Protein backbone atom coordinates (compact mmCIF):
# COMPACT_ATOMS: atom_id res chain seq x y z
CA UNK A 1 -34.21 20.47 56.73
CA UNK A 2 -33.29 21.48 53.17
CA UNK A 3 -29.64 21.91 54.12
CA UNK A 4 -29.53 18.35 55.50
CA UNK A 5 -31.16 17.01 52.34
CA UNK A 6 -28.71 18.87 50.07
CA UNK A 7 -25.75 17.72 52.16
CA UNK A 8 -26.91 14.10 51.80
CA UNK A 9 -27.37 14.51 48.02
CA UNK A 10 -23.90 16.05 47.69
CA UNK A 11 -22.21 13.31 49.66
CA UNK A 12 -23.98 10.47 47.80
CA UNK A 13 -23.73 12.03 44.29
CA UNK A 14 -20.83 9.84 43.06
CA UNK A 15 -22.67 6.69 44.10
CA UNK A 16 -25.71 7.77 42.08
CA UNK A 17 -24.09 9.36 39.03
CA UNK A 18 -21.66 6.53 38.24
CA UNK A 19 -24.32 3.85 37.67
CA UNK A 20 -26.46 6.30 35.71
CA UNK A 21 -23.51 7.28 33.49
CA UNK A 22 -22.58 3.60 33.06
CA UNK A 23 -26.09 2.69 31.92
CA UNK A 24 -26.29 5.68 29.55
CA UNK A 25 -22.91 4.76 28.04
CA UNK A 26 -23.86 1.11 27.64
CA UNK A 27 -27.16 1.96 25.96
CA UNK A 28 -25.43 4.46 23.66
CA UNK A 29 -22.76 1.94 22.73
CA UNK A 30 -25.32 -0.74 21.89
CA UNK A 31 -27.41 1.76 19.91
CA UNK A 32 -24.37 2.86 17.89
CA UNK A 33 -23.40 -0.76 17.18
CA UNK A 34 -26.97 -1.46 16.07
CA UNK A 35 -27.11 1.58 13.76
CA UNK A 36 -23.63 1.21 12.24
CA UNK A 37 -23.47 -2.55 12.14
CA UNK A 38 -20.54 -4.74 13.08
CA UNK A 39 -17.10 -3.59 11.90
CA UNK A 40 -15.72 -5.44 8.88
CA UNK A 41 -13.44 -8.39 9.65
CA UNK A 42 -10.62 -7.01 7.50
CA UNK A 43 -10.18 -4.00 9.79
CA UNK A 44 -8.87 -6.26 12.54
CA UNK A 45 -6.45 -8.09 10.22
CA UNK A 46 -5.05 -4.95 8.60
CA UNK A 47 -1.28 -4.84 8.10
CA UNK A 48 0.85 -2.35 9.94
CA UNK A 49 2.46 0.55 8.10
CA UNK A 50 5.91 -1.04 8.23
CA UNK A 51 4.55 -4.26 6.71
CA UNK A 52 2.82 -2.29 3.96
CA UNK A 53 6.07 -0.44 3.24
CA UNK A 54 8.04 -3.69 3.04
CA UNK A 55 5.47 -5.19 0.66
CA UNK A 56 5.62 -2.09 -1.55
CA UNK A 57 9.43 -2.21 -1.66
CA UNK A 58 9.35 -5.89 -2.56
CA UNK A 59 6.91 -5.17 -5.40
CA UNK A 60 9.26 -2.45 -6.71
CA UNK A 61 12.23 -4.84 -6.66
CA UNK A 62 10.44 -7.63 -8.54
CA UNK A 63 11.85 -7.88 -12.07
CA UNK A 64 15.00 -5.87 -11.33
CA UNK A 65 18.45 -7.42 -11.19
CA UNK A 66 19.61 -6.55 -7.69
CA UNK A 67 23.15 -7.82 -8.32
CA UNK A 68 23.93 -4.96 -10.71
CA UNK A 69 25.02 -2.03 -8.59
CA UNK A 70 27.36 0.85 -9.29
CA UNK A 71 30.75 0.29 -7.72
CA UNK A 72 32.35 2.89 -5.52
CA UNK A 73 35.25 3.24 -7.98
CA UNK A 74 32.84 4.39 -10.66
CA UNK A 75 31.22 6.94 -8.45
CA UNK A 76 33.09 10.21 -8.72
CA UNK A 77 31.82 11.77 -5.60
CA UNK A 78 30.58 9.51 -2.84
CA UNK A 79 30.42 12.14 -0.11
CA UNK A 80 28.90 15.61 -0.08
CA UNK A 81 31.18 18.31 -1.40
CA UNK A 82 30.78 20.40 1.71
CA UNK A 83 32.45 17.70 3.81
CA UNK A 84 35.60 16.91 1.83
CA UNK A 85 36.19 19.98 -0.30
CA UNK A 86 35.28 22.72 2.07
CA UNK A 87 38.63 24.56 2.09
CA UNK A 88 39.99 23.39 -1.25
CA UNK A 89 39.71 25.46 -4.40
CA UNK A 90 37.62 24.02 -7.23
CA UNK A 91 39.54 21.82 -9.69
CA UNK A 92 39.59 23.13 -13.23
């Protein structure tokens, strides 16, 4: 008789444990929300990292004259030395 009872319990275990686990999870979730309180509204409207980076770059640019750049003619070396002067001796 015990073997029949254990076989029935084993076969019906998923049908019993899922609702129990669901209820325990729901109660725990509601208890945590009650203890911690609702999340602040600003957390949902937070900017992404790329938007924060763009805002920071814009703040750095404010006040600078972006039209004044160094021309390529004025730059003496515009490429790494290892690329262009690899096999050439150093100029004196």
